[in-house]
Amino acid sequence: MKKMPKWTIVSAILAAALGLSACDVEKKEEGRMPDVDVDVKEGKLPDYDVDAPDVDVKTEKKTITVPDVDVETEKKTINVPDVDVDMPKDDNAVGEPEETER
């Protein structure tokens, strides 16, 4: 299986975070629960007799062969996304909206 480049993962996380934070939600009307009148008798769950196995988990020391991996890194210049977001105007805001720096 081919490993995904780090910039792809970072771009996906950035896009998801941007999508979740780029909208303005305002409640327009209060909600309410419906009026219901329920008359019920209490129920009873079925009774089960379960014979489960007795499991003992222990550790022991063993010598095994494992790979010794050396990783070399290098710097590369790549294209990354540059995203500008224009937030919707808030009609109820007092004064000018704050400017945010990236």
Protein backbone atom coordinates (compact mmCIF):
# COMPACT_ATOMS: atom_id res chain seq x y z
CA MET A 1 0.00 0.00 0.00
CA LYS A 2 1.42 3.40 -1.00
CA LYS A 3 1.91 5.91 1.81
CA MET A 4 0.11 9.28 1.44
CA PRO A 5 2.31 12.41 1.45
CA LYS A 6 2.11 14.54 4.60
CA TRP A 7 0.88 17.61 2.71
CA THR A 8 -2.15 15.66 1.45
CA ILE A 9 -3.14 14.73 4.99
CA VAL A 10 -2.55 18.28 6.26
CA SER A 11 -4.60 19.70 3.36
CA ALA A 12 -7.50 17.34 4.12
CA ILE A 13 -7.49 18.30 7.80
CA LEU A 14 -7.31 22.01 6.91
CA ALA A 15 -10.22 21.70 4.46
CA ALA A 16 -12.35 19.84 7.03
CA ALA A 17 -11.63 22.40 9.76
CA LEU A 18 -12.35 25.26 7.37
CA GLY A 19 -15.63 23.71 6.28
CA LEU A 20 -16.77 23.34 9.87
CA SER A 21 -15.80 26.86 10.94
CA ALA A 22 -16.79 28.88 7.87
CA CYS A 23 -20.51 29.20 8.49
CA ASP A 24 -22.50 31.55 10.70
CA VAL A 25 -25.48 30.00 12.52
CA GLU A 26 -28.16 32.12 14.16
CA LYS A 27 -31.22 30.75 15.98
CA LYS A 28 -34.35 32.39 14.52
CA GLU A 29 -37.05 30.76 16.68
CA GLU A 30 -37.27 28.86 19.99
CA GLY A 31 -38.06 25.16 19.77
CA ARG A 32 -40.35 23.18 22.06
CA MET A 33 -41.12 19.58 22.89
CA PRO A 34 -44.52 18.15 21.91
CA ASP A 35 -47.14 17.62 24.63
CA VAL A 36 -47.71 13.89 25.08
CA ASP A 37 -49.64 11.83 27.64
CA VAL A 38 -48.29 8.30 27.96
CA ASP A 39 -49.67 5.59 30.26
CA VAL A 40 -47.54 2.43 30.23
CA LYS A 41 -46.72 -0.53 32.49
CA GLU A 42 -43.09 -1.11 33.36
CA GLY A 43 -41.36 -3.79 31.36
CA LYS A 44 -38.92 -6.54 32.32
CA LEU A 45 -35.72 -7.55 30.59
CA PRO A 46 -35.20 -11.27 29.89
CA ASP A 47 -33.12 -13.22 32.39
CA TYR A 48 -29.95 -14.91 31.06
CA ASP A 49 -27.58 -17.42 32.63
CA VAL A 50 -24.17 -16.91 31.04
CA ASP A 51 -21.21 -19.19 31.69
CA ALA A 52 -18.21 -17.16 30.53
CA PRO A 53 -14.71 -18.62 30.25
CA ASP A 54 -12.06 -17.70 32.83
CA VAL A 55 -9.27 -15.84 30.98
CA ASP A 56 -5.85 -15.17 32.53
CA VAL A 57 -3.59 -12.72 30.68
CA LYS A 58 0.10 -12.72 31.58
CA THR A 59 3.34 -11.53 30.02
CA GLU A 60 6.56 -13.36 29.49
CA LYS A 61 9.94 -12.31 28.09
CA LYS A 62 10.96 -13.69 24.70
CA THR A 63 13.78 -12.78 22.35
CA ILE A 64 12.65 -12.09 18.78
CA THR A 65 14.27 -10.64 15.67
CA VAL A 66 13.06 -7.15 14.72
CA PRO A 67 14.14 -4.91 11.82
CA ASP A 68 16.54 -2.02 12.43
CA VAL A 69 15.29 0.83 10.23
CA ASP A 70 17.20 4.03 9.50
CA VAL A 71 15.17 6.85 7.97
CA GLU A 72 16.74 9.68 6.03
CA THR A 73 14.85 12.92 5.40
CA GLU A 74 15.38 15.74 2.97
CA LYS A 75 13.75 19.13 2.42
CA LYS A 76 11.66 19.68 -0.71
CA THR A 77 9.62 22.62 -1.96
CA ILE A 78 6.03 21.66 -2.77
CA ASN A 79 2.77 23.48 -3.61
CA VAL A 80 0.39 23.76 -0.67
CA PRO A 81 -3.14 25.21 -0.59
CA ASP A 82 -3.62 28.91 0.16
CA VAL A 83 -7.23 29.51 1.22
CA ASP A 84 -9.00 32.87 1.72
CA VAL A 85 -12.38 32.87 3.44
CA ASP A 86 -14.86 35.76 3.40
CA MET A 87 -17.16 35.36 6.41
CA PRO A 88 -20.82 36.40 6.00
CA LYS A 89 -21.73 39.85 7.27
CA ASP A 90 -23.32 39.84 10.75
CA ASP A 91 -26.27 42.26 10.73
CA ASN A 92 -26.44 42.28 14.55
CA ALA A 93 -22.77 43.13 15.09
CA VAL A 94 -21.81 46.34 16.85
CA GLY A 95 -18.96 48.23 15.16
CA GLU A 96 -16.67 46.87 12.49
CA PRO A 97 -15.80 43.15 12.33
CA GLU A 98 -12.36 42.22 13.61
CA GLU A 99 -9.66 41.51 11.07
CA THR A 100 -7.85 38.20 11.57
CA GLU A 101 -4.31 37.51 10.48
CA ARG A 102 -3.17 34.23 9.04
